[in-house]
PDB file of N, CA and C in Angstrom:
ATOM      1  N   MET A   1       0.851  -1.030   0.122  1.00  0.00           N
ATOM      2  CA  MET A   1      -0.501   0.159  -0.234  1.00  0.00           C
ATOM      3  C   MET A   1       0.586   0.959   0.067  1.00  0.00           C
ATOM      4  N   THR A   2       1.152   2.006  -1.196  1.00  0.00           N
ATOM      5  CA  THR A   2       1.959   2.914  -1.516  1.00  0.00           C
ATOM      6  C   THR A   2       1.468   4.422  -1.292  1.00  0.00           C
ATOM      7  N   ASP A   3       1.131   5.098  -1.660  1.00  0.00           N
ATOM      8  CA  ASP A   3       0.683   6.097  -1.651  1.00  0.00           C
ATOM      9  C   ASP A   3       1.589   6.184  -3.133  1.00  0.00           C
ATOM     10  N   ASP A   4       1.203   7.132  -4.127  1.00  0.00           N
ATOM     11  CA  ASP A   4       1.914   8.185  -5.715  1.00  0.00           C
ATOM     12  C   ASP A   4       2.073   9.033  -5.061  1.00  0.00           C
ATOM     13  N   LYS A   5       1.381   9.416  -4.209  1.00  0.00           N
ATOM     14  CA  LYS A   5       1.466  11.490  -3.495  1.00  0.00           C
ATOM     15  C   LYS A   5       3.258  11.367  -2.803  1.00  0.00           C
ATOM     16  N   PRO A   6       4.128  12.413  -3.718  1.00  0.00           N
ATOM     17  CA  PRO A   6       5.471  12.360  -2.753  1.00  0.00           C
ATOM     18  C   PRO A   6       5.495  13.805  -1.581  1.00  0.00           C
ATOM     19  N   THR A   7       6.254  12.876  -1.233  1.00  0.00           N
ATOM     20  CA  THR A   7       6.324  14.002   0.578  1.00  0.00           C
ATOM     21  C   THR A   7       7.349  14.995   0.622  1.00  0.00           C
ATOM     22  N   ARG A   8       7.131  15.607   1.315  1.00  0.00           N
ATOM     23  CA  ARG A   8       8.368  16.303   1.288  1.00  0.00           C
ATOM     24  C   ARG A   8      10.067  16.384   1.232  1.00  0.00           C
ATOM     25  N   ARG A   9      10.265  15.090   1.585  1.00  0.00           N
ATOM     26  CA  ARG A   9      10.820  14.328   1.318  1.00  0.00           C
ATOM     27  C   ARG A   9      11.369  13.948   0.444  1.00  0.00           C
ATOM     28  N   ASP A  10      11.195  13.547  -0.270  1.00  0.00           N
ATOM     29  CA  ASP A  10      11.062  13.151  -0.996  1.00  0.00           C
ATOM     30  C   ASP A  10      11.532  14.387  -2.568  1.00  0.00           C
ATOM     31  N   LEU A  11      10.677  15.221  -2.621  1.00  0.00           N
ATOM     32  CA  LEU A  11      10.940  16.534  -2.742  1.00  0.00           C
ATOM     33  C   LEU A  11      12.166  16.795  -3.077  1.00  0.00           C
ATOM     34  N   MET A  12      12.474  17.171  -1.882  1.00  0.00           N
ATOM     35  CA  MET A  12      14.345  17.430  -1.516  1.00  0.00           C
ATOM     36  C   MET A  12      14.933  16.806  -0.083  1.00  0.00           C
ATOM     37  N   LYS A  13      15.320  15.974  -0.588  1.00  0.00           N
ATOM     38  CA  LYS A  13      16.563  15.094   0.847  1.00  0.00           C
ATOM     39  C   LYS A  13      17.078  15.722   1.464  1.00  0.00           C
ATOM     40  N   PRO A  14      17.149  15.916   3.144  1.00  0.00           N
ATOM     41  CA  PRO A  14      18.155  16.526   3.964  1.00  0.00           C
ATOM     42  C   PRO A  14      19.497  16.803   3.107  1.00  0.00           C
ATOM     43  N   VAL A  15      20.184  15.393   2.905  1.00  0.00           N
ATOM     44  CA  VAL A  15      21.230  15.193   2.093  1.00  0.00           C
ATOM     45  C   VAL A  15      21.887  16.207   1.178  1.00  0.00           C
ATOM     46  N   GLN A  16      20.343  16.490   0.044  1.00  0.00           N
ATOM     47  CA  GLN A  16      20.505  17.092  -0.732  1.00  0.00           C
ATOM     48  C   GLN A  16      20.198  18.844  -1.066  1.00  0.00           C
ATOM     49  N   LEU A  17      20.118  18.741  -0.036  1.00  0.00           N
ATOM     50  CA  LEU A  17      20.176  20.455   0.783  1.00  0.00           C
ATOM     51  C   LEU A  17      21.170  20.629   1.263  1.00  0.00           C
ATOM     52  N   LEU A  18      21.539  19.562   1.853  1.00  0.00           N
ATOM     53  CA  LEU A  18      22.943  21.374   2.755  1.00  0.00           C
ATOM     54  C   LEU A  18      24.249  20.355   1.866  1.00  0.00           C
ATOM     55  N   GLY A  19      23.683  19.552   0.619  1.00  0.00           N
ATOM     56  CA  GLY A  19      25.390  19.406  -0.335  1.00  0.00           C
ATOM     57  C   GLY A  19      24.988  21.074  -1.126  1.00  0.00           C
ATOM     58  N   LEU A  20      23.747  20.863  -0.813  1.00  0.00           N
ATOM     59  CA  LEU A  20      23.777  22.333  -2.245  1.00  0.00           C
ATOM     60  C   LEU A  20      23.720  23.728  -1.160  1.00  0.00           C
ATOM     61  N   ALA A  21      23.493  23.757  -0.210  1.00  0.00           N
ATOM     62  CA  ALA A  21      23.886  25.138   0.490  1.00  0.00           C
ATOM     63  C   ALA A  21      25.629  25.224   0.501  1.00  0.00           C
ATOM     64  N   PHE A  22      26.617  23.520   1.028  1.00  0.00           N
ATOM     65  CA  PHE A  22      27.672  23.719   1.060  1.00  0.00           C
ATOM     66  C   PHE A  22      27.940  23.914  -0.152  1.00  0.00           C
ATOM     67  N   GLY A  23      27.549  22.995  -1.501  1.00  0.00           N
ATOM     68  CA  GLY A  23      28.212  23.581  -2.685  1.00  0.00           C
ATOM     69  C   GLY A  23      28.511  24.998  -2.453  1.00  0.00           C
ATOM     70  N   SER A  24      27.353  26.027  -2.257  1.00  0.00           N
ATOM     71  CA  SER A  24      27.051  27.055  -2.626  1.00  0.00           C
ATOM     72  C   SER A  24      28.434  27.977  -1.565  1.00  0.00           C
ATOM     73  N   ALA A  25      27.816  27.273  -0.981  1.00  0.00           N
ATOM     74  CA  ALA A  25      29.513  28.226   0.883  1.00  0.00           C
ATOM     75  C   ALA A  25      30.807  28.431  -0.280  1.00  0.00           C
ATOM     76  N   LEU A  26      30.829  26.787  -0.460  1.00  0.00           N
ATOM     77  CA  LEU A  26      32.424  26.042  -0.852  1.00  0.00           C
ATOM     78  C   LEU A  26      32.602  27.568  -2.090  1.00  0.00           C
ATOM     79  N   PHE A  27      31.624  27.789  -3.022  1.00  0.00           N
ATOM     80  CA  PHE A  27      31.764  28.837  -4.030  1.00  0.00           C
ATOM     81  C   PHE A  27      32.629  30.237  -3.827  1.00  0.00           C
ATOM     82  N   ALA A  28      31.701  30.830  -3.061  1.00  0.00           N
ATOM     83  CA  ALA A  28      31.087  32.185  -2.625  1.00  0.00           C
ATOM     84  C   ALA A  28      32.789  32.269  -1.457  1.00  0.00           C
ATOM     85  N   GLY A  29      33.439  30.872  -1.454  1.00  0.00           N
ATOM     86  CA  GLY A  29      34.401  31.387  -0.630  1.00  0.00           C
ATOM     87  C   GLY A  29      35.253  31.419  -0.703  1.00  0.00           C
ATOM     88  N   ILE A  30      35.542  30.259  -1.930  1.00  0.00           N
ATOM     89  CA  ILE A  30      36.447  30.685  -2.998  1.00  0.00           C
ATOM     90  C   ILE A  30      36.644  31.525  -3.697  1.00  0.00           C
ATOM     91  N   VAL A  31      35.172  31.842  -4.564  1.00  0.00           N
ATOM     92  CA  VAL A  31      35.269  33.651  -4.422  1.00  0.00           C
ATOM     93  C   VAL A  31      35.818  35.045  -3.998  1.00  0.00           C
ATOM     94  N   THR A  32      36.087  35.000  -2.863  1.00  0.00           N
ATOM     95  CA  THR A  32      36.190  35.692  -1.989  1.00  0.00           C
ATOM     96  C   THR A  32      37.654  35.310  -1.982  1.00  0.00           C
ATOM     97  N   LEU A  33      38.303  34.336  -1.430  1.00  0.00           N
ATOM     98  CA  LEU A  33      39.461  34.315  -1.676  1.00  0.00           C
ATOM     99  C   LEU A  33      40.344  34.294  -3.094  1.00  0.00           C
ATOM    100  N   VAL A  34      40.165  34.507  -3.780  1.00  0.00           N
ATOM    101  CA  VAL A  34      40.274  34.492  -5.408  1.00  0.00           C
ATOM    102  C   VAL A  34      39.822  36.002  -5.755  1.00  0.00           C
ATOM    103  N   SER A  35      39.096  37.365  -5.588  1.00  0.00           N
ATOM    104  CA  SER A  35      39.263  38.496  -5.363  1.00  0.00           C
ATOM    105  C   SER A  35      39.840  38.751  -4.579  1.00  0.00           C
ATOM    106  N   MET A  36      40.445  38.613  -2.966  1.00  0.00           N
ATOM    107  CA  MET A  36      41.535  39.314  -2.055  1.00  0.00           C
ATOM    108  C   MET A  36      42.622  38.358  -1.933  1.00  0.00           C
ATOM    109  N   GLY A  37      43.321  37.917  -2.981  1.00  0.00           N
ATOM    110  CA  GLY A  37      44.134  37.423  -3.873  1.00  0.00           C
ATOM    111  C   GLY A  37      44.868  37.091  -2.516  1.00  0.00           C
ATOM    112  N   PHE A  38      44.468  35.880  -2.027  1.00  0.00           N
ATOM    113  CA  PHE A  38      45.148  34.972  -1.716  1.00  0.00           C
ATOM    114  C   PHE A  38      46.185  33.841  -2.150  1.00  0.00           C
ATOM    115  N   PHE A  39      45.386  33.528  -3.092  1.00  0.00           N
ATOM    116  CA  PHE A  39      47.100  32.806  -3.771  1.00  0.00           C
ATOM    117  C   PHE A  39      47.696  33.835  -4.371  1.00  0.00           C
ATOM    118  N   GLN A  40      47.954  34.602  -4.835  1.00  0.00           N
ATOM    119  CA  GLN A  40      48.950  35.504  -5.365  1.00  0.00           C
ATOM    120  C   GLN A  40      50.351  36.144  -3.866  1.00  0.00           C
ATOM    121  N   GLN A  41      51.130  36.246  -4.247  1.00  0.00           N
ATOM    122  CA  GLN A  41      52.261  36.750  -3.393  1.00  0.00           C
ATOM    123  C   GLN A  41      52.047  37.837  -2.726  1.00  0.00           C
ATOM    124  N   ARG A  42      51.120  37.623  -1.658  1.00  0.00           N
ATOM    125  CA  ARG A  42      51.627  38.803  -0.182  1.00  0.00           C
ATOM    126  C   ARG A  42      52.423  38.664   0.110  1.00  0.00           C
ATOM    127  N   GLY A  43      52.259  40.364   1.025  1.00  0.00           N
ATOM    128  CA  GLY A  43      52.669  39.762   2.550  1.00  0.00           C
ATOM    129  C   GLY A  43      51.316  39.550   3.271  1.00  0.00           C
ATOM    130  N   PRO A  44      52.669  38.345   4.197  1.00  0.00           N
ATOM    131  CA  PRO A  44      52.185  37.447   5.719  1.00  0.00           C
ATOM    132  C   PRO A  44      51.071  37.416   6.398  1.00  0.00           C
ATOM    133  N   GLU A  45      50.745  38.668   6.309  1.00  0.00           N
ATOM    134  CA  GLU A  45      49.723  39.424   7.613  1.00  0.00           C
ATOM    135  C   GLU A  45      48.405  40.000   6.483  1.00  0.00           C
ATOM    136  N   GLN A  46      48.481  39.341   5.110  1.00  0.00           N
ATOM    137  CA  GLN A  46      47.558  39.607   4.641  1.00  0.00           C
ATOM    138  C   GLN A  46      46.348  38.233   4.213  1.00  0.00           C
ATOM    139  N   ALA A  47      46.895  37.029   4.255  1.00  0.00           N
ATOM    140  CA  ALA A  47      46.775  35.875   3.730  1.00  0.00           C
ATOM    141  C   ALA A  47      45.507  36.023   5.571  1.00  0.00           C
ATOM    142  N   PRO A  48      46.085  35.592   6.384  1.00  0.00           N
ATOM    143  CA  PRO A  48      45.565  35.397   7.012  1.00  0.00           C
ATOM    144  C   PRO A  48      43.881  36.776   7.387  1.00  0.00           C
ATOM    145  N   ALA A  49      44.222  38.024   7.115  1.00  0.00           N
ATOM    146  CA  ALA A  49      42.682  38.499   6.114  1.00  0.00           C
ATOM    147  C   ALA A  49      41.553  37.791   5.825  1.00  0.00           C
ATOM    148  N   ALA A  50      42.752  37.259   4.494  1.00  0.00           N
ATOM    149  CA  ALA A  50      41.233  36.602   3.924  1.00  0.00           C
ATOM    150  C   ALA A  50      41.057  35.682   4.023  1.00  0.00           C
ATOM    151  N   LEU A  51      41.537  34.848   4.406  1.00  0.00           N
ATOM    152  CA  LEU A  51      40.977  33.521   4.997  1.00  0.00           C
ATOM    153  C   LEU A  51      40.106  33.290   5.748  1.00  0.00           C
ATOM    154  N   GLN A  52      40.162  34.542   6.484  1.00  0.00           N
ATOM    155  CA  GLN A  52      38.811  34.884   8.218  1.00  0.00           C
ATOM    156  C   GLN A  52      37.830  35.519   7.242  1.00  0.00           C
ATOM    157  N   LEU A  53      37.835  36.429   6.379  1.00  0.00           N
ATOM    158  CA  LEU A  53      36.478  36.967   6.052  1.00  0.00           C
ATOM    159  C   LEU A  53      35.942  35.445   4.587  1.00  0.00           C
ATOM    160  N   ALA A  54      37.170  35.775   4.091  1.00  0.00           N
ATOM    161  CA  ALA A  54      36.126  34.163   3.141  1.00  0.00           C
ATOM    162  C   ALA A  54      35.355  32.765   3.444  1.00  0.00           C
ATOM    163  N   LEU A  55      36.374  32.332   4.661  1.00  0.00           N
ATOM    164  CA  LEU A  55      35.396  31.639   6.461  1.00  0.00           C
ATOM    165  C   LEU A  55      33.923  32.219   6.138  1.00  0.00           C
ATOM    166  N   ILE A  56      33.982  33.754   6.658  1.00  0.00           N
ATOM    167  CA  ILE A  56      32.932  35.110   7.349  1.00  0.00           C
ATOM    168  C   ILE A  56      31.663  34.584   5.679  1.00  0.00           C
ATOM    169  N   VAL A  57      32.087  34.815   4.849  1.00  0.00           N
ATOM    170  CA  VAL A  57      30.931  35.545   3.562  1.00  0.00           C
ATOM    171  C   VAL A  57      30.800  33.348   3.104  1.00  0.00           C
ATOM    172  N   ALA A  58      31.035  32.704   3.796  1.00  0.00           N
ATOM    173  CA  ALA A  58      30.624  31.076   3.254  1.00  0.00           C
ATOM    174  C   ALA A  58      29.993  30.833   4.848  1.00  0.00           C
ATOM    175  N   GLY A  59      30.342  31.288   5.699  1.00  0.00           N
ATOM    176  CA  GLY A  59      29.638  31.201   6.834  1.00  0.00           C
ATOM    177  C   GLY A  59      27.665  31.514   6.783  1.00  0.00           C
ATOM    178  N   ILE A  60      28.377  33.080   6.326  1.00  0.00           N
ATOM    179  CA  ILE A  60      26.626  33.490   5.732  1.00  0.00           C
ATOM    180  C   ILE A  60      26.198  32.706   4.397  1.00  0.00           C
ATOM    181  N   THR A  61      26.537  32.505   3.627  1.00  0.00           N
ATOM    182  CA  THR A  61      26.372  31.922   1.943  1.00  0.00           C
ATOM    183  C   THR A  61      25.861  31.477   2.975  1.00  0.00           C
ATOM    184  N   PHE A  62      25.962  30.129   3.214  1.00  0.00           N
ATOM    185  CA  PHE A  62      25.299  28.098   3.611  1.00  0.00           C
ATOM    186  C   PHE A  62      24.277  28.455   4.453  1.00  0.00           C
ATOM    187  N   ILE A  63      24.319  29.506   5.114  1.00  0.00           N
ATOM    188  CA  ILE A  63      22.940  29.579   6.368  1.00  0.00           C
ATOM    189  C   ILE A  63      21.761  30.290   5.627  1.00  0.00           C
ATOM    190  N   VAL A  64      21.415  31.219   4.843  1.00  0.00           N
ATOM    191  CA  VAL A  64      21.576  31.371   3.714  1.00  0.00           C
ATOM    192  C   VAL A  64      20.551  30.886   2.349  1.00  0.00           C
ATOM    193  N   VAL A  65      21.289  30.362   2.155  1.00  0.00           N
ATOM    194  CA  VAL A  65      20.824  28.953   1.295  1.00  0.00           C
ATOM    195  C   VAL A  65      20.436  28.028   1.376  1.00  0.00           C
ATOM    196  N   LEU A  66      20.238  27.663   2.996  1.00  0.00           N
ATOM    197  CA  LEU A  66      19.708  25.950   3.457  1.00  0.00           C
ATOM    198  C   LEU A  66      18.347  27.061   3.471  1.00  0.00           C
ATOM    199  N   VAL A  67      18.162  28.144   4.690  1.00  0.00           N
ATOM    200  CA  VAL A  67      17.092  29.081   5.527  1.00  0.00           C
ATOM    201  C   VAL A  67      16.052  29.892   3.755  1.00  0.00           C
ATOM    202  N   MET A  68      16.503  29.467   2.372  1.00  0.00           N
ATOM    203  CA  MET A  68      15.504  29.733   1.395  1.00  0.00           C
ATOM    204  C   MET A  68      15.172  28.562   0.776  1.00  0.00           C
ATOM    205  N   VAL A  69      16.139  27.781   1.082  1.00  0.00           N
ATOM    206  CA  VAL A  69      16.192  26.613   0.337  1.00  0.00           C
ATOM    207  C   VAL A  69      14.344  26.182   0.750  1.00  0.00           C
ATOM    208  N   ALA A  70      14.758  25.988   1.925  1.00  0.00           N
ATOM    209  CA  ALA A  70      14.309  25.444   3.007  1.00  0.00           C
ATOM    210  C   ALA A  70      12.548  26.104   3.182  1.00  0.00           C
ATOM    211  N   LEU A  71      12.451  27.466   2.613  1.00  0.00           N
ATOM    212  CA  LEU A  71      11.463  28.157   3.001  1.00  0.00           C
ATOM    213  C   LEU A  71      11.052  27.959   0.925  1.00  0.00           C
ATOM    214  N   MET A  72      11.264  27.398   1.124  1.00  0.00           N
ATOM    215  CA  MET A  72      10.436  27.896  -0.867  1.00  0.00           C
ATOM    216  C   MET A  72      10.217  26.686  -0.429  1.00  0.00           C
ATOM    217  N   LEU A  73      11.162  25.190  -0.784  1.00  0.00           N
ATOM    218  CA  LEU A  73      10.423  24.150  -0.366  1.00  0.00           C
ATOM    219  C   LEU A  73       9.673  23.671   0.397  1.00  0.00           C
ATOM    220  N   LEU A  74       8.754  24.888   1.163  1.00  0.00           N
ATOM    221  CA  LEU A  74       7.472  25.015   2.329  1.00  0.00           C
ATOM    222  C   LEU A  74       6.791  24.982   1.404  1.00  0.00           C
ATOM    223  N   ALA A  75       7.220  26.254   0.737  1.00  0.00           N
ATOM    224  CA  ALA A  75       5.886  26.671  -0.810  1.00  0.00           C
ATOM    225  C   ALA A  75       5.622  25.325  -1.499  1.00  0.00           C
ATOM    226  N   VAL A  76       5.394  24.614  -1.820  1.00  0.00           N
ATOM    227  CA  VAL A  76       5.928  23.905  -2.443  1.00  0.00           C
ATOM    228  C   VAL A  76       4.577  22.529  -1.798  1.00  0.00           C
ATOM    229  N   ASP A  77       3.321  22.962  -2.862  1.00  0.00           N
ATOM    230  CA  ASP A  77       2.007  21.317  -2.287  1.00  0.00           C
ATOM    231  C   ASP A  77       2.886  19.647  -2.883  1.00  0.00           C
ATOM    232  N   PRO A  78       3.225  19.451  -1.700  1.00  0.00           N
ATOM    233  CA  PRO A  78       3.561  17.512  -2.317  1.00  0.00           C
ATOM    234  C   PRO A  78       2.160  17.473  -3.410  1.00  0.00           C
ATOM    235  N   ALA A  79       1.087  17.893  -2.986  1.00  0.00           N
ATOM    236  CA  ALA A  79      -0.033  16.992  -3.474  1.00  0.00           C
ATOM    237  C   ALA A  79      -0.135  17.438  -5.331  1.00  0.00           C
ATOM    238  N   GLN A  80       0.818  18.264  -5.503  1.00  0.00           N
ATOM    239  CA  GLN A  80      -0.196  19.032  -6.661  1.00  0.00           C
ATOM    240  C   GLN A  80       1.406  18.886  -7.258  1.00  0.00           C
ATOM    241  N   VAL A  81       2.062  18.432  -6.691  1.00  0.00           N
ATOM    242  CA  VAL A  81       3.552  17.478  -7.765  1.00  0.00           C
ATOM    243  C   VAL A  81       3.168  17.238  -9.430  1.00  0.00           C
ATOM    244  N   LYS A  82       2.536  16.433  -9.135  1.00  0.00           N
ATOM    245  CA  LYS A  82       2.620  14.908 -10.140  1.00  0.00           C
ATOM    246  C   LYS A  82       1.753  15.221 -11.154  1.00  0.00           C
ATOM    247  N   LYS A  83       0.449  16.596 -10.333  1.00  0.00           N
ATOM    248  CA  LYS A  83      -0.906  16.672 -11.148  1.00  0.00           C
ATOM    249  C   LYS A  83      -0.792  17.889 -12.375  1.00  0.00           C
ATOM    250  N   GLN A  84      -0.916  17.615 -13.692  1.00  0.00           N
ATOM    251  CA  GLN A  84      -0.713  17.350 -14.803  1.00  0.00           C
ATOM    252  C   GLN A  84      -1.689  19.075 -14.872  1.00  0.00           C
ATOM    253  N   ILE A  85      -1.273  20.176 -15.223  1.00  0.00           N
ATOM    254  CA  ILE A  85      -2.179  21.405 -15.167  1.00  0.00           C
ATOM    255  C   ILE A  85      -2.078  21.950 -17.243  1.00  0.00           C
ATOM    256  N   ASP A  86      -3.307  21.255 -16.717  1.00  0.00           N
ATOM    257  CA  ASP A  86      -3.897  22.080 -18.487  1.00  0.00           C
ATOM    258  C   ASP A  86      -4.200  23.709 -19.146  1.00  0.00           C
ATOM    259  N   THR A  87      -4.746  24.490 -17.758  1.00  0.00           N
ATOM    260  CA  THR A  87      -4.703  25.712 -18.384  1.00  0.00           C
ATOM    261  C   THR A  87      -3.770  26.767 -17.961  1.00  0.00           C
ATOM    262  N   PRO A  88      -3.559  27.702 -18.409  1.00  0.00           N
ATOM    263  CA  PRO A  88      -2.826  28.564 -18.176  1.00  0.00           C
ATOM    264  C   PRO A  88      -2.706  28.741 -16.897  1.00  0.00           C
ATOM    265  N   VAL A  89      -1.500  29.202 -16.122  1.00  0.00           N
ATOM    266  CA  VAL A  89      -1.063  29.584 -14.177  1.00  0.00           C
ATOM    267  C   VAL A  89      -1.088  30.463 -14.606  1.00  0.00           C
ATOM    268  N   LEU A  90      -1.268  31.747 -15.268  1.00  0.00           N
ATOM    269  CA  LEU A  90      -1.114  33.026 -14.886  1.00  0.00           C
ATOM    270  C   LEU A  90      -2.899  33.918 -15.215  1.00  0.00           C
ATOM    271  N   LEU A  91      -4.136  33.267 -16.006  1.00  0.00           N
ATOM    272  CA  LEU A  91      -5.303  33.850 -16.185  1.00  0.00           C
ATOM    273  C   LEU A  91      -6.249  33.201 -15.139  1.00  0.00           C
ATOM    274  N   PRO A  92      -7.253  34.529 -13.945  1.00  0.00           N
ATOM    275  CA  PRO A  92      -7.810  34.206 -13.469  1.00  0.00           C
ATOM    276  C   PRO A  92      -8.284  33.000 -13.713  1.00  0.00           C
ATOM    277  N   LYS A  93      -9.270  32.076 -12.398  1.00  0.00           N
ATOM    278  CA  LYS A  93      -9.949  30.800 -12.704  1.00  0.00           C
ATOM    279  C   LYS A  93     -11.564  31.403 -13.096  1.00  0.00           C
ATOM    280  N   ASP A  94     -11.491  32.702 -13.520  1.00  0.00           N
ATOM    281  CA  ASP A  94     -13.609  33.013 -13.996  1.00  0.00           C
ATOM    282  C   ASP A  94     -13.225  33.115 -15.238  1.00  0.00           C
ATOM    283  N   LYS A  95     -12.536  33.691 -15.526  1.00  0.00           N
ATOM    284  CA  LYS A  95     -12.087  34.020 -17.650  1.00  0.00           C
ATOM    285  C   LYS A  95     -11.595  32.466 -17.847  1.00  0.00           C
ATOM    286  N   PRO A  96     -12.327  32.706 -18.873  1.00  0.00           N
ATOM    287  CA  PRO A  96     -12.070  31.325 -20.240  1.00  0.00           C
ATOM    288  C   PRO A  96     -11.427  31.722 -20.827  1.00  0.00           C
ATOM    289  N   ALA A  97     -10.016  30.617 -20.528  1.00  0.00           N
ATOM    290  CA  ALA A  97      -8.506  30.534 -21.335  1.00  0.00           C
ATOM    291  C   ALA A  97      -8.855  30.680 -22.893  1.00  0.00           C
ATOM    292  N   ASP A  98      -9.786  30.914 -23.269  1.00  0.00           N
ATOM    293  CA  ASP A  98      -9.718  30.838 -25.100  1.00  0.00           C
ATOM    294  C   ASP A  98      -9.509  32.679 -25.527  1.00  0.00           C
ATOM    295  N   GLY A  99      -9.626  32.785 -24.425  1.00  0.00           N
ATOM    296  CA  GLY A  99     -10.027  34.774 -24.878  1.00  0.00           C
ATOM    297  C   GLY A  99     -11.670  35.311 -25.405  1.00  0.00           C
ATOM    298  N   THR A 100     -12.386  34.710 -25.484  1.00  0.00           N
ATOM    299  CA  THR A 100     -13.600  35.111 -25.666  1.00  0.00           C
ATOM    300  C   THR A 100     -14.562  35.340 -25.073  1.00  0.00           C
ATOM    301  N   GLY A 101     -14.070  35.817 -23.014  1.00  0.00           N
ATOM    302  CA  GLY A 101     -14.506  36.239 -22.619  1.00  0.00           C
ATOM    303  C   GLY A 101     -15.212  38.268 -22.730  1.00  0.00           C
ATOM    304  N   PRO A 102     -15.840  38.461 -21.699  1.00  0.00           N
ATOM    305  CA  PRO A 102     -16.479  40.798 -22.959  1.00  0.00           C
ATOM    306  C   PRO A 102     -14.534  41.439 -22.096  1.00  0.00           C
ATOM    307  N   ASP A 103     -13.501  40.580 -22.038  1.00  0.00           N
ATOM    308  CA  ASP A 103     -12.449  40.715 -21.937  1.00  0.00           C
ATOM    309  C   ASP A 103     -11.179  41.104 -22.320  1.00  0.00           C
ATOM    310  N   ALA A 104     -11.940  40.589 -23.542  1.00  0.00           N
ATOM    311  CA  ALA A 104     -11.408  40.283 -25.174  1.00  0.00           C
ATOM    312  C   ALA A 104     -10.500  41.365 -25.602  1.00  0.00           C
ATOM    313  N   ALA A 105      -9.252  41.016 -25.786  1.00  0.00           N
ATOM    314  CA  ALA A 105      -8.486  41.824 -26.956  1.00  0.00           C
ATOM    315  C   ALA A 105      -9.065  42.471 -27.805  1.00  0.00           C
ATOM    316  N   GLY A 106     -10.367  42.187 -28.794  1.00  0.00           N
ATOM    317  CA  GLY A 106     -10.721  42.400 -29.361  1.00  0.00           C
ATOM    318  C   GLY A 106     -12.224  43.026 -29.507  1.00  0.00           C
ATOM    319  N   SER A 107     -13.175  43.362 -28.365  1.00  0.00           N
ATOM    320  CA  SER A 107     -13.756  43.301 -27.953  1.00  0.00           C
ATOM    321  C   SER A 107     -13.784  45.073 -28.361  1.00  0.00           C
ATOM    322  N   THR A 108     -15.316  45.604 -28.563  1.00  0.00           N
ATOM    323  CA  THR A 108     -14.928  47.073 -29.326  1.00  0.00           C
ATOM    324  C   THR A 108     -16.535  47.812 -28.455  1.00  0.00           C
ATOM    325  N   LYS A 109     -15.631  47.807 -26.863  1.00  0.00           N
ATOM    326  CA  LYS A 109     -16.462  48.561 -25.093  1.00  0.00           C
ATOM    327  C   LYS A 109     -15.904  49.881 -24.949  1.00  0.00           C
ATOM    328  N   ARG A 110     -16.629  50.756 -25.517  1.00  0.00           N
ATOM    329  CA  ARG A 110     -16.063  52.494 -25.274  1.00  0.00           C
ATOM    330  C   ARG A 110     -17.276  52.866 -24.284  1.00  0.00           C
TER     331      ARG A 110
END
């Protein structure tokens, strides 16, 4: 007796969520190190400052991406994921989709 409805855990597994956040943090940390000249021949006092700032940026990025993806995941209704949509999404529910309603572009109301 298995359900065909996906659960929130099926949509985005926790390991995938953490992996996405870690990958984003790693990218932000490397970009910060490169932009601060960590890999160039600089003075010995500049390398620790660049490394410290890169770790701070990576930590902030990790937390922000983790929270934002988790919040966006909460907005998805798991029952609606596999449901096929045959009508335009942005049209209001009360107007017909074929354009023959009273507010159609070809109407001559004055």
